[in-house]
Amino acid sequence: MKKAGWQWAGVFALVGAVTIFTTCSSPGPDNGTSAVPDTGTFTIGMSQCNLGEPWRVQMNSDIEKAAKEHPELRVIFKDAQNQTTIQQSHVREFVGQGVDLIIVSPLEAAPLTGPIAEAHKSGIPVIVLDRAVLGEEFTLFIGADNVRIGEAAGRWVKEKLGGAGKVVELKGLMTSIPGQDRNAGFRKGIEGSDIEVIFEADMRWLQPNAQSEMESALTRFPDIDLVYAHNDPGAYGAYLAAKAAGREKDMLFVGIDGLPQEGLAYVNQGILSATFEYPTGGKEAITYALAILKGEEPPAKHVVLPSRFYTKENLAQGGQWLQ
C-alpha cells in the first residue's frame, strides 16, 4: 500500500456502482464464500458480533448509509449471532473471498486476535471497530474511550448520590475490552466515596439477562440507590425488574449508548436518569476505509471518538461533551 496524505476531498469524488449485501450469519458454502468478482468496485467485508443489541443494529445501519454515498463500494454484512467461532470463520472467509478490506466489530478480544492478524498479514487492510483486540496486528482501530466513559459515569453517580449509596452494577460481556474498561473506569470514578457496589453481574449486554440479574439483586437487597448498567438495554432491563417489584421509584438508573430511539428516549421519559453516548463509528469506518483503499495511511493506529452524556436537564441542548 503506497503512503499518501489524508486527502479527504478526494475520498468522496470516486465513482462506480454500489451494492449492499446482507448474508446469513452461519458459515457455510452458501454464505458468500465464493471468490469476489472483479467488477471494478471495492468490496468490504463487515462482520458484526451480533444483531441482538439495538446499538449494533444502528452500527450496521450507519455503515450502510455511509457506504451508499459512495457508489464504488460493495459491502458484505455478516452476523455472528454472539458466537465467536462463527465470527472467526467470517474473517477467514473474507480472506478466502479476496475482499479489499475487512471491518470487524469483535465479540471477544483474544479469540478474534488471531484471525484478524492473519488477515492483516495476508495484505488485506483490517479496521477493528468498537471492541479492541490484543496486540497491534490490524490497520486501524476506531472506537470511543470506554474507560473515560465509565469514569465519567462514576463521577456523575458520586455527585448525584452525594458521595454515598448502594449501587448495582450490571456489566457487559467481561471477556470484551469495553466491558472491562467500563467497569474499571466506573470504579475509578467512585474512588474516595462511600459508594458501595453491593451486587454485580455479567449480563452480556442483553436486556433479558439484565432483567433476570436485577430480579436476583432485588430479592437479596432491600435498599438499592442506583443501577449502573454498561449499556442502555441493561439499564432498561433493570428498570423493568424494579417496576415489576414496585420499587422503580426507589432507585436511579444509568446506562451507556445514548441512541436516540433508546437511551435518549428513556431519559426523556424519566426511566433513566442519565445515559452516556457511545458512538457507533459506522460512518467513520467507511470514511477511513475509502482513504485506506485509495492507498493512504491512517494518521494514527487508534482513532478515539468523542462522547457526550445526557440528562433530562441537558437533553434539549444536545447533551454535554465529556471533558
C-alpha atoms as a PDB file:
ATOM      1  CA  MET A   1       0.000   0.000   0.000  1.00  0.00           C
ATOM      2  CA  LYS A   2       1.527   3.316  -1.011  1.00  0.00           C
ATOM      3  CA  LYS A   3       1.890   6.099   1.515  1.00  0.00           C
ATOM      4  CA  ALA A   4      -0.011   9.334   0.999  1.00  0.00           C
ATOM      5  CA  GLY A   5      -1.512  12.153   2.990  1.00  0.00           C
ATOM      6  CA  TRP A   6      -5.126  12.106   4.068  1.00  0.00           C
ATOM      7  CA  GLN A   7      -6.705  13.975   1.158  1.00  0.00           C
ATOM      8  CA  TRP A   8     -10.292  13.680   2.266  1.00  0.00           C
ATOM      9  CA  ALA A   9     -11.762  15.744  -0.573  1.00  0.00           C
ATOM     10  CA  GLY A  10     -10.678  13.048  -2.979  1.00  0.00           C
ATOM     11  CA  VAL A  11     -12.318  10.305  -0.938  1.00  0.00           C
ATOM     12  CA  PHE A  12     -15.774  11.495  -1.910  1.00  0.00           C
ATOM     13  CA  ALA A  13     -15.041  12.038  -5.628  1.00  0.00           C
ATOM     14  CA  LEU A  14     -14.821   8.377  -6.680  1.00  0.00           C
ATOM     15  CA  VAL A  15     -17.462   6.849  -8.977  1.00  0.00           C
ATOM     16  CA  GLY A  16     -18.778   3.344  -9.728  1.00  0.00           C
ATOM     17  CA  ALA A  17     -21.667   1.135  -8.588  1.00  0.00           C
ATOM     18  CA  VAL A  18     -22.836   0.280  -5.022  1.00  0.00           C
ATOM     19  CA  THR A  19     -24.389  -2.949  -3.872  1.00  0.00           C
ATOM     20  CA  ILE A  20     -25.119  -3.574  -0.203  1.00  0.00           C
ATOM     21  CA  PHE A  21     -25.496  -7.246   0.677  1.00  0.00           C
ATOM     22  CA  THR A  22     -26.638  -8.884   3.918  1.00  0.00           C
ATOM     23  CA  THR A  23     -25.616 -12.518   4.193  1.00  0.00           C
ATOM     24  CA  CYS A  24     -26.801 -15.171   6.599  1.00  0.00           C
ATOM     25  CA  SER A  25     -24.831 -15.484   9.793  1.00  0.00           C
ATOM     26  CA  SER A  26     -23.701 -19.065   9.933  1.00  0.00           C
ATOM     27  CA  PRO A  27     -20.665 -20.071   7.886  1.00  0.00           C
ATOM     28  CA  GLY A  28     -21.077 -22.476   5.002  1.00  0.00           C
ATOM     29  CA  PRO A  29     -20.931 -22.864   1.240  1.00  0.00           C
ATOM     30  CA  ASP A  30     -23.916 -20.532   0.722  1.00  0.00           C
ATOM     31  CA  ASN A  31     -22.634 -17.758   2.989  1.00  0.00           C
ATOM     32  CA  GLY A  32     -20.832 -15.697   0.385  1.00  0.00           C
ATOM     33  CA  THR A  33     -17.724 -17.893   0.313  1.00  0.00           C
ATOM     34  CA  SER A  34     -17.194 -17.777  -3.450  1.00  0.00           C
ATOM     35  CA  ALA A  35     -14.495 -15.528  -4.847  1.00  0.00           C
ATOM     36  CA  VAL A  36     -15.327 -11.844  -5.120  1.00  0.00           C
ATOM     37  CA  PRO A  37     -15.864 -10.956  -8.788  1.00  0.00           C
ATOM     38  CA  ASP A  38     -13.698  -8.278 -10.341  1.00  0.00           C
ATOM     39  CA  THR A  39     -16.365  -5.645 -11.064  1.00  0.00           C
ATOM     40  CA  GLY A  40     -14.279  -2.513 -10.619  1.00  0.00           C
ATOM     41  CA  THR A  41     -15.753  -1.901  -7.183  1.00  0.00           C
ATOM     42  CA  PHE A  42     -14.149  -2.091  -3.760  1.00  0.00           C
ATOM     43  CA  THR A  43     -15.554  -4.965  -1.718  1.00  0.00           C
ATOM     44  CA  ILE A  44     -15.677  -4.584   2.075  1.00  0.00           C
ATOM     45  CA  GLY A  45     -16.463  -7.497   4.362  1.00  0.00           C
ATOM     46  CA  MET A  46     -18.203  -6.475   7.610  1.00  0.00           C
ATOM     47  CA  SER A  47     -18.502  -8.959  10.494  1.00  0.00           C
ATOM     48  CA  GLN A  48     -20.845  -7.871  13.283  1.00  0.00           C
ATOM     49  CA  CYS A  49     -20.624  -9.882  16.504  1.00  0.00           C
ATOM     50  CA  ASN A  50     -24.407  -9.901  16.958  1.00  0.00           C
ATOM     51  CA  LEU A  51     -27.589  -8.118  15.973  1.00  0.00           C
ATOM     52  CA  GLY A  52     -29.347  -8.735  19.280  1.00  0.00           C
ATOM     53  CA  GLU A  53     -28.344  -5.313  20.596  1.00  0.00           C
ATOM     54  CA  PRO A  54     -30.042  -2.210  19.137  1.00  0.00           C
ATOM     55  CA  TRP A  55     -26.704  -0.380  19.239  1.00  0.00           C
ATOM     56  CA  ARG A  56     -25.179  -2.937  16.844  1.00  0.00           C
ATOM     57  CA  VAL A  57     -28.140  -2.746  14.510  1.00  0.00           C
ATOM     58  CA  GLN A  58     -27.528   1.016  14.464  1.00  0.00           C
ATOM     59  CA  MET A  59     -23.839   0.486  13.682  1.00  0.00           C
ATOM     60  CA  ASN A  60     -24.687  -1.629  10.640  1.00  0.00           C
ATOM     61  CA  SER A  61     -27.248   0.959   9.576  1.00  0.00           C
ATOM     62  CA  ASP A  62     -24.664   3.740   9.882  1.00  0.00           C
ATOM     63  CA  ILE A  63     -22.185   1.753   7.793  1.00  0.00           C
ATOM     64  CA  GLU A  64     -24.808   1.014   5.144  1.00  0.00           C
ATOM     65  CA  LYS A  65     -25.968   4.625   4.990  1.00  0.00           C
ATOM     66  CA  ALA A  66     -22.400   5.944   4.676  1.00  0.00           C
ATOM     67  CA  ALA A  67     -21.497   3.355   2.038  1.00  0.00           C
ATOM     68  CA  LYS A  68     -24.491   4.277  -0.105  1.00  0.00           C
ATOM     69  CA  GLU A  69     -22.972   7.709  -0.557  1.00  0.00           C
ATOM     70  CA  HIS A  70     -20.002   6.110  -2.348  1.00  0.00           C
ATOM     71  CA  PRO A  71     -21.129   4.083  -5.367  1.00  0.00           C
ATOM     72  CA  GLU A  72     -17.757   2.395  -5.748  1.00  0.00           C
ATOM     73  CA  LEU A  73     -18.373   0.347  -2.588  1.00  0.00           C
ATOM     74  CA  ARG A  74     -19.864  -3.104  -2.166  1.00  0.00           C
ATOM     75  CA  VAL A  75     -20.376  -4.153   1.469  1.00  0.00           C
ATOM     76  CA  ILE A  76     -21.000  -7.735   2.556  1.00  0.00           C
ATOM     77  CA  PHE A  77     -22.565  -7.901   6.047  1.00  0.00           C
ATOM     78  CA  LYS A  78     -22.313 -10.975   8.264  1.00  0.00           C
ATOM     79  CA  ASP A  79     -23.880 -11.585  11.692  1.00  0.00           C
ATOM     80  CA  ALA A  80     -22.009 -13.868  14.109  1.00  0.00           C
ATOM     81  CA  GLN A  81     -25.037 -14.249  16.414  1.00  0.00           C
ATOM     82  CA  ASN A  82     -22.883 -13.890  19.538  1.00  0.00           C
ATOM     83  CA  GLN A  83     -20.761 -16.906  18.598  1.00  0.00           C
ATOM     84  CA  THR A  84     -17.005 -16.427  18.492  1.00  0.00           C
ATOM     85  CA  THR A  85     -16.358 -19.436  16.253  1.00  0.00           C
ATOM     86  CA  ILE A  86     -18.739 -18.073  13.619  1.00  0.00           C
ATOM     87  CA  GLN A  87     -17.035 -14.684  13.701  1.00  0.00           C
ATOM     88  CA  GLN A  88     -13.611 -16.293  13.374  1.00  0.00           C
ATOM     89  CA  SER A  89     -14.946 -18.069  10.285  1.00  0.00           C
ATOM     90  CA  HIS A  90     -16.271 -14.785   8.904  1.00  0.00           C
ATOM     91  CA  VAL A  91     -12.824 -13.225   8.912  1.00  0.00           C
ATOM     92  CA  ARG A  92     -11.216 -16.240   7.272  1.00  0.00           C
ATOM     93  CA  GLU A  93     -13.998 -16.419   4.677  1.00  0.00           C
ATOM     94  CA  PHE A  94     -13.426 -12.783   3.754  1.00  0.00           C
ATOM     95  CA  VAL A  95      -9.727 -13.544   3.241  1.00  0.00           C
ATOM     96  CA  GLY A  96     -10.621 -16.521   1.058  1.00  0.00           C
ATOM     97  CA  GLN A  97     -13.016 -14.382  -0.968  1.00  0.00           C
ATOM     98  CA  GLY A  98     -10.309 -11.825  -1.634  1.00  0.00           C
ATOM     99  CA  VAL A  99     -12.198  -8.805  -0.326  1.00  0.00           C
ATOM    100  CA  ASP A 100     -10.414  -5.465  -0.483  1.00  0.00           C
ATOM    101  CA  LEU A 101     -10.902  -4.520   3.186  1.00  0.00           C
ATOM    102  CA  ILE A 102     -12.393  -6.069   6.321  1.00  0.00           C
ATOM    103  CA  ILE A 103     -14.296  -4.340   9.123  1.00  0.00           C
ATOM    104  CA  VAL A 104     -14.768  -6.348  12.333  1.00  0.00           C
ATOM    105  CA  SER A 105     -16.646  -5.480  15.498  1.00  0.00           C
ATOM    106  CA  PRO A 106     -15.392  -8.362  17.666  1.00  0.00           C
ATOM    107  CA  LEU A 107     -17.380 -10.353  20.174  1.00  0.00           C
ATOM    108  CA  GLU A 108     -14.303 -11.146  22.273  1.00  0.00           C
ATOM    109  CA  ALA A 109     -10.772  -9.827  22.190  1.00  0.00           C
ATOM    110  CA  ALA A 110      -8.496 -12.869  22.462  1.00  0.00           C
ATOM    111  CA  PRO A 111     -10.277 -15.319  20.116  1.00  0.00           C
ATOM    112  CA  LEU A 112     -10.539 -12.751  17.303  1.00  0.00           C
ATOM    113  CA  THR A 113      -6.941 -11.535  17.602  1.00  0.00           C
ATOM    114  CA  GLY A 114      -5.524 -14.474  15.624  1.00  0.00           C
ATOM    115  CA  PRO A 115      -7.878 -14.394  12.602  1.00  0.00           C
ATOM    116  CA  ILE A 116      -7.605 -10.610  12.359  1.00  0.00           C
ATOM    117  CA  ALA A 117      -3.811 -10.822  12.479  1.00  0.00           C
ATOM    118  CA  GLU A 118      -3.880 -13.496   9.761  1.00  0.00           C
ATOM    119  CA  ALA A 119      -5.983 -11.276   7.526  1.00  0.00           C
ATOM    120  CA  HIS A 120      -3.733  -8.280   8.121  1.00  0.00           C
ATOM    121  CA  LYS A 121      -0.589 -10.279   7.384  1.00  0.00           C
ATOM    122  CA  SER A 122      -2.153 -11.526   4.157  1.00  0.00           C
ATOM    123  CA  GLY A 123      -2.211  -7.933   2.916  1.00  0.00           C
ATOM    124  CA  ILE A 124      -5.901  -7.138   3.483  1.00  0.00           C
ATOM    125  CA  PRO A 125      -6.467  -3.938   5.486  1.00  0.00           C
ATOM    126  CA  VAL A 126      -8.499  -4.565   8.653  1.00  0.00           C
ATOM    127  CA  ILE A 127     -10.471  -1.940  10.586  1.00  0.00           C
ATOM    128  CA  VAL A 128     -11.359  -3.057  14.113  1.00  0.00           C
ATOM    129  CA  LEU A 129     -14.499  -1.228  15.179  1.00  0.00           C
ATOM    130  CA  ASP A 130     -15.752  -0.613  18.730  1.00  0.00           C
ATOM    131  CA  ARG A 131     -14.110  -3.532  20.584  1.00  0.00           C
ATOM    132  CA  ALA A 132     -10.344  -3.789  20.588  1.00  0.00           C
ATOM    133  CA  VAL A 133      -8.354  -6.959  20.077  1.00  0.00           C
ATOM    134  CA  LEU A 134      -4.992  -7.862  21.591  1.00  0.00           C
ATOM    135  CA  GLY A 135      -1.784  -6.592  20.045  1.00  0.00           C
ATOM    136  CA  GLU A 136      -1.452  -4.252  17.077  1.00  0.00           C
ATOM    137  CA  GLU A 137      -1.776  -6.584  14.079  1.00  0.00           C
ATOM    138  CA  PHE A 138      -4.500  -4.642  12.276  1.00  0.00           C
ATOM    139  CA  THR A 139      -4.688  -1.489  10.164  1.00  0.00           C
ATOM    140  CA  LEU A 140      -6.857   0.798  12.276  1.00  0.00           C
ATOM    141  CA  PHE A 141      -8.957   0.757  15.453  1.00  0.00           C
ATOM    142  CA  ILE A 142     -11.964   3.099  15.750  1.00  0.00           C
ATOM    143  CA  GLY A 143     -13.858   3.467  18.999  1.00  0.00           C
ATOM    144  CA  ALA A 144     -14.681   5.696  21.928  1.00  0.00           C
ATOM    145  CA  ASP A 145     -12.767   5.691  25.216  1.00  0.00           C
ATOM    146  CA  ASN A 146     -14.692   3.279  27.421  1.00  0.00           C
ATOM    147  CA  VAL A 147     -12.521   3.918  30.464  1.00  0.00           C
ATOM    148  CA  ARG A 148     -13.240   7.618  30.163  1.00  0.00           C
ATOM    149  CA  ILE A 149     -16.968   6.998  29.719  1.00  0.00           C
ATOM    150  CA  GLY A 150     -17.069   4.659  32.711  1.00  0.00           C
ATOM    151  CA  GLU A 151     -15.130   7.123  34.835  1.00  0.00           C
ATOM    152  CA  ALA A 152     -17.454   9.966  33.822  1.00  0.00           C
ATOM    153  CA  ALA A 153     -20.415   7.813  34.791  1.00  0.00           C
ATOM    154  CA  GLY A 154     -18.784   7.080  38.140  1.00  0.00           C
ATOM    155  CA  ARG A 155     -18.147  10.739  38.847  1.00  0.00           C
ATOM    156  CA  TRP A 156     -21.735  11.615  37.898  1.00  0.00           C
ATOM    157  CA  VAL A 157     -23.070   8.886  40.188  1.00  0.00           C
ATOM    158  CA  LYS A 158     -20.835  10.040  43.035  1.00  0.00           C
ATOM    159  CA  GLU A 159     -22.124  13.581  42.703  1.00  0.00           C
ATOM    160  CA  LYS A 160     -25.757  12.520  42.251  1.00  0.00           C
ATOM    161  CA  LEU A 161     -25.716  10.297  45.346  1.00  0.00           C
ATOM    162  CA  GLY A 162     -23.811  12.810  47.448  1.00  0.00           C
ATOM    163  CA  GLY A 163     -20.820  10.522  47.804  1.00  0.00           C
ATOM    164  CA  ALA A 164     -22.619   7.617  49.488  1.00  0.00           C
ATOM    165  CA  GLY A 165     -25.038   4.899  48.445  1.00  0.00           C
ATOM    166  CA  LYS A 166     -25.636   1.289  47.435  1.00  0.00           C
ATOM    167  CA  VAL A 167     -25.166   0.510  43.740  1.00  0.00           C
ATOM    168  CA  VAL A 168     -25.892  -2.448  41.465  1.00  0.00           C
ATOM    169  CA  GLU A 169     -23.502  -2.836  38.522  1.00  0.00           C
ATOM    170  CA  LEU A 170     -24.752  -4.820  35.544  1.00  0.00           C
ATOM    171  CA  LYS A 171     -21.744  -5.496  33.372  1.00  0.00           C
ATOM    172  CA  GLY A 172     -21.399  -6.041  29.672  1.00  0.00           C
ATOM    173  CA  LEU A 173     -19.563  -9.091  28.402  1.00  0.00           C
ATOM    174  CA  MET A 174     -16.487  -9.175  30.630  1.00  0.00           C
ATOM    175  CA  THR A 175     -14.387 -11.073  28.094  1.00  0.00           C
ATOM    176  CA  SER A 176     -14.699  -7.980  25.882  1.00  0.00           C
ATOM    177  CA  ILE A 177     -12.498  -4.908  26.270  1.00  0.00           C
ATOM    178  CA  PRO A 178     -15.442  -2.447  26.553  1.00  0.00           C
ATOM    179  CA  GLY A 179     -16.934  -4.420  29.437  1.00  0.00           C
ATOM    180  CA  GLN A 180     -13.627  -4.443  31.264  1.00  0.00           C
ATOM    181  CA  ASP A 181     -13.000  -0.751  30.569  1.00  0.00           C
ATOM    182  CA  ARG A 182     -16.471   0.424  31.608  1.00  0.00           C
ATOM    183  CA  ASN A 183     -16.068  -1.465  34.853  1.00  0.00           C
ATOM    184  CA  ALA A 184     -12.552  -0.155  35.552  1.00  0.00           C
ATOM    185  CA  GLY A 185     -13.495   3.415  34.656  1.00  0.00           C
ATOM    186  CA  PHE A 186     -16.574   3.375  36.876  1.00  0.00           C
ATOM    187  CA  ARG A 187     -14.633   2.053  39.848  1.00  0.00           C
ATOM    188  CA  LYS A 188     -12.085   4.821  39.350  1.00  0.00           C
ATOM    189  CA  GLY A 189     -14.866   7.409  39.111  1.00  0.00           C
ATOM    190  CA  ILE A 190     -16.343   6.468  42.503  1.00  0.00           C
ATOM    191  CA  GLU A 191     -12.981   6.310  44.278  1.00  0.00           C
ATOM    192  CA  GLY A 192     -12.802   8.271  47.505  1.00  0.00           C
ATOM    193  CA  SER A 193     -16.527   7.982  48.150  1.00  0.00           C
ATOM    194  CA  ASP A 194     -18.703   5.813  50.368  1.00  0.00           C
ATOM    195  CA  ILE A 195     -20.494   4.324  47.386  1.00  0.00           C
ATOM    196  CA  GLU A 196     -20.694   0.554  47.721  1.00  0.00           C
ATOM    197  CA  VAL A 197     -21.267  -1.838  44.806  1.00  0.00           C
ATOM    198  CA  ILE A 198     -23.455  -4.367  46.599  1.00  0.00           C
ATOM    199  CA  PHE A 199     -24.262  -6.553  43.571  1.00  0.00           C
ATOM    200  CA  GLU A 200     -22.552  -7.094  40.229  1.00  0.00           C
ATOM    201  CA  ALA A 201     -23.257  -9.487  37.391  1.00  0.00           C
ATOM    202  CA  ASP A 202     -22.264 -10.074  33.765  1.00  0.00           C
ATOM    203  CA  MET A 203     -25.437  -9.633  31.705  1.00  0.00           C
ATOM    204  CA  ARG A 204     -23.536  -9.925  28.393  1.00  0.00           C
ATOM    205  CA  TRP A 205     -25.034  -6.679  27.049  1.00  0.00           C
ATOM    206  CA  LEU A 206     -28.522  -8.239  26.777  1.00  0.00           C
ATOM    207  CA  GLN A 207     -31.707  -6.758  28.251  1.00  0.00           C
ATOM    208  CA  PRO A 208     -33.336 -10.088  29.254  1.00  0.00           C
ATOM    209  CA  ASN A 209     -30.170 -11.113  31.107  1.00  0.00           C
ATOM    210  CA  ALA A 210     -30.047  -7.755  32.881  1.00  0.00           C
ATOM    211  CA  GLN A 211     -33.670  -8.068  33.919  1.00  0.00           C
ATOM    212  CA  SER A 212     -33.048 -11.545  35.332  1.00  0.00           C
ATOM    213  CA  GLU A 213     -29.931 -10.451  37.218  1.00  0.00           C
ATOM    214  CA  MET A 214     -31.761  -7.430  38.622  1.00  0.00           C
ATOM    215  CA  GLU A 215     -34.521  -9.685  39.899  1.00  0.00           C
ATOM    216  CA  SER A 216     -31.853 -11.543  41.871  1.00  0.00           C
ATOM    217  CA  ALA A 217     -30.456  -8.289  43.239  1.00  0.00           C
ATOM    218  CA  LEU A 218     -33.911  -7.132  44.329  1.00  0.00           C
ATOM    219  CA  THR A 219     -34.556 -10.316  46.288  1.00  0.00           C
ATOM    220  CA  ARG A 220     -31.241 -10.002  48.126  1.00  0.00           C
ATOM    221  CA  PHE A 221     -31.066  -6.282  48.853  1.00  0.00           C
ATOM    222  CA  PRO A 222     -33.933  -4.213  50.286  1.00  0.00           C
ATOM    223  CA  ASP A 223     -32.041  -0.968  49.748  1.00  0.00           C
ATOM    224  CA  ILE A 224     -30.651  -0.074  46.305  1.00  0.00           C
ATOM    225  CA  ASP A 225     -29.962   3.558  45.442  1.00  0.00           C
ATOM    226  CA  LEU A 226     -28.822   3.262  41.835  1.00  0.00           C
ATOM    227  CA  VAL A 227     -28.221   0.819  38.993  1.00  0.00           C
ATOM    228  CA  TYR A 228     -25.249   1.378  36.710  1.00  0.00           C
ATOM    229  CA  ALA A 229     -25.517  -0.754  33.577  1.00  0.00           C
ATOM    230  CA  HIS A 230     -22.847  -0.994  30.898  1.00  0.00           C
ATOM    231  CA  ASN A 231     -25.455  -0.317  28.206  1.00  0.00           C
ATOM    232  CA  ASP A 232     -28.937   1.164  27.952  1.00  0.00           C
ATOM    233  CA  PRO A 233     -30.727  -2.161  27.313  1.00  0.00           C
ATOM    234  CA  GLY A 234     -29.178  -3.393  30.559  1.00  0.00           C
ATOM    235  CA  ALA A 235     -30.382  -0.319  32.435  1.00  0.00           C
ATOM    236  CA  TYR A 236     -33.856  -0.676  30.943  1.00  0.00           C
ATOM    237  CA  GLY A 237     -33.973  -4.367  31.837  1.00  0.00           C
ATOM    238  CA  ALA A 238     -33.111  -3.428  35.428  1.00  0.00           C
ATOM    239  CA  TYR A 239     -35.853  -0.812  35.408  1.00  0.00           C
ATOM    240  CA  LEU A 240     -38.425  -3.363  34.218  1.00  0.00           C
ATOM    241  CA  ALA A 241     -37.446  -5.743  37.015  1.00  0.00           C
ATOM    242  CA  ALA A 242     -37.671  -2.979  39.601  1.00  0.00           C
ATOM    243  CA  LYS A 243     -41.028  -1.838  38.227  1.00  0.00           C
ATOM    244  CA  ALA A 244     -42.413  -5.380  38.423  1.00  0.00           C
ATOM    245  CA  ALA A 245     -41.361  -5.422  42.090  1.00  0.00           C
ATOM    246  CA  GLY A 246     -42.909  -1.996  42.689  1.00  0.00           C
ATOM    247  CA  ARG A 247     -39.515  -0.494  43.512  1.00  0.00           C
ATOM    248  CA  GLU A 248     -38.608   1.526  40.396  1.00  0.00           C
ATOM    249  CA  LYS A 249     -39.140   4.836  42.207  1.00  0.00           C
ATOM    250  CA  ASP A 250     -36.715   3.843  44.971  1.00  0.00           C
ATOM    251  CA  MET A 251     -33.625   3.988  42.765  1.00  0.00           C
ATOM    252  CA  LEU A 252     -31.986   5.680  39.790  1.00  0.00           C
ATOM    253  CA  PHE A 253     -30.918   4.012  36.541  1.00  0.00           C
ATOM    254  CA  VAL A 254     -27.862   4.940  34.466  1.00  0.00           C
ATOM    255  CA  GLY A 255     -26.806   3.419  31.132  1.00  0.00           C
ATOM    256  CA  ILE A 256     -24.416   3.796  28.218  1.00  0.00           C
ATOM    257  CA  ASP A 257     -25.055   4.026  24.438  1.00  0.00           C
ATOM    258  CA  GLY A 258     -27.238   7.098  24.006  1.00  0.00           C
ATOM    259  CA  LEU A 259     -29.167   6.058  20.907  1.00  0.00           C
ATOM    260  CA  PRO A 260     -31.996   8.481  20.072  1.00  0.00           C
ATOM    261  CA  GLN A 261     -34.648   5.750  19.917  1.00  0.00           C
ATOM    262  CA  GLU A 262     -33.412   4.058  23.082  1.00  0.00           C
ATOM    263  CA  GLY A 263     -31.267   5.730  25.761  1.00  0.00           C
ATOM    264  CA  LEU A 264     -32.285   9.289  24.911  1.00  0.00           C
ATOM    265  CA  ALA A 265     -35.946   8.263  24.798  1.00  0.00           C
ATOM    266  CA  TYR A 266     -35.589   6.612  28.218  1.00  0.00           C
ATOM    267  CA  VAL A 267     -34.049   9.775  29.646  1.00  0.00           C
ATOM    268  CA  ASN A 268     -36.834  11.880  28.165  1.00  0.00           C
ATOM    269  CA  GLN A 269     -39.425   9.538  29.708  1.00  0.00           C
ATOM    270  CA  GLY A 270     -37.733   9.688  33.113  1.00  0.00           C
ATOM    271  CA  ILE A 271     -36.829   5.983  33.065  1.00  0.00           C
ATOM    272  CA  LEU A 272     -33.074   6.651  33.005  1.00  0.00           C
ATOM    273  CA  SER A 273     -31.521   9.497  34.962  1.00  0.00           C
ATOM    274  CA  ALA A 274     -28.541   9.618  32.598  1.00  0.00           C
ATOM    275  CA  THR A 275     -27.068   7.915  29.574  1.00  0.00           C
ATOM    276  CA  PHE A 276     -23.538   8.243  28.221  1.00  0.00           C
ATOM    277  CA  GLU A 277     -23.061   8.270  24.470  1.00  0.00           C
ATOM    278  CA  TYR A 278     -21.050   5.530  22.816  1.00  0.00           C
ATOM    279  CA  PRO A 279     -20.839   6.450  19.096  1.00  0.00           C
ATOM    280  CA  THR A 280     -21.075   3.518  16.689  1.00  0.00           C
ATOM    281  CA  GLY A 281     -18.210   4.670  14.459  1.00  0.00           C
ATOM    282  CA  GLY A 282     -20.037   3.319  11.402  1.00  0.00           C
ATOM    283  CA  LYS A 283     -19.795   6.496   9.362  1.00  0.00           C
ATOM    284  CA  GLU A 284     -16.151   6.986  10.343  1.00  0.00           C
ATOM    285  CA  ALA A 285     -15.317   3.391   9.392  1.00  0.00           C
ATOM    286  CA  ILE A 286     -16.472   3.996   5.813  1.00  0.00           C
ATOM    287  CA  THR A 287     -14.643   7.336   5.587  1.00  0.00           C
ATOM    288  CA  TYR A 288     -11.355   5.793   6.728  1.00  0.00           C
ATOM    289  CA  ALA A 289     -11.928   2.659   4.643  1.00  0.00           C
ATOM    290  CA  LEU A 290     -12.193   4.730   1.474  1.00  0.00           C
ATOM    291  CA  ALA A 291      -8.959   6.547   2.228  1.00  0.00           C
ATOM    292  CA  ILE A 292      -7.158   3.284   3.001  1.00  0.00           C
ATOM    293  CA  LEU A 293      -8.455   1.714  -0.202  1.00  0.00           C
ATOM    294  CA  LYS A 294      -7.013   4.680  -2.107  1.00  0.00           C
ATOM    295  CA  GLY A 295      -3.595   3.796  -0.704  1.00  0.00           C
ATOM    296  CA  GLU A 296      -3.470   6.395   2.042  1.00  0.00           C
ATOM    297  CA  GLU A 297      -2.246   5.553   5.517  1.00  0.00           C
ATOM    298  CA  PRO A 298      -4.164   6.481   8.688  1.00  0.00           C
ATOM    299  CA  PRO A 299      -2.773   9.367  10.758  1.00  0.00           C
ATOM    300  CA  ALA A 300      -2.748   7.101  13.814  1.00  0.00           C
ATOM    301  CA  LYS A 301      -3.291   3.468  14.723  1.00  0.00           C
ATOM    302  CA  HIS A 302      -6.156   4.303  17.076  1.00  0.00           C
ATOM    303  CA  VAL A 303      -8.945   6.798  16.359  1.00  0.00           C
ATOM    304  CA  VAL A 304     -10.808   7.839  19.526  1.00  0.00           C
ATOM    305  CA  LEU A 305     -14.338   9.164  19.002  1.00  0.00           C
ATOM    306  CA  PRO A 306     -15.748  11.895  21.299  1.00  0.00           C
ATOM    307  CA  SER A 307     -18.679  11.223  23.648  1.00  0.00           C
ATOM    308  CA  ARG A 308     -21.460  13.132  25.390  1.00  0.00           C
ATOM    309  CA  PHE A 309     -23.703  12.474  28.351  1.00  0.00           C
ATOM    310  CA  TYR A 310     -27.407  13.213  28.572  1.00  0.00           C
ATOM    311  CA  THR A 311     -29.744  14.029  31.431  1.00  0.00           C
ATOM    312  CA  LYS A 312     -33.276  15.405  31.448  1.00  0.00           C
ATOM    313  CA  GLU A 313     -31.768  18.850  32.053  1.00  0.00           C
ATOM    314  CA  ASN A 314     -29.445  18.931  29.021  1.00  0.00           C
ATOM    315  CA  LEU A 315     -31.317  16.690  26.586  1.00  0.00           C
ATOM    316  CA  ALA A 316     -32.878  19.542  24.610  1.00  0.00           C
ATOM    317  CA  GLN A 317     -29.445  21.170  24.206  1.00  0.00           C
ATOM    318  CA  GLY A 318     -27.947  18.010  22.684  1.00  0.00           C
ATOM    319  CA  GLY A 319     -26.240  16.759  25.819  1.00  0.00           C
ATOM    320  CA  GLN A 320     -22.867  17.756  27.190  1.00  0.00           C
ATOM    321  CA  TRP A 321     -19.469  16.699  25.856  1.00  0.00           C
ATOM    322  CA  LEU A 322     -17.249  14.733  28.191  1.00  0.00           C
ATOM    323  CA  GLN A 323     -14.199  16.717  29.213  1.00  0.00           C
END
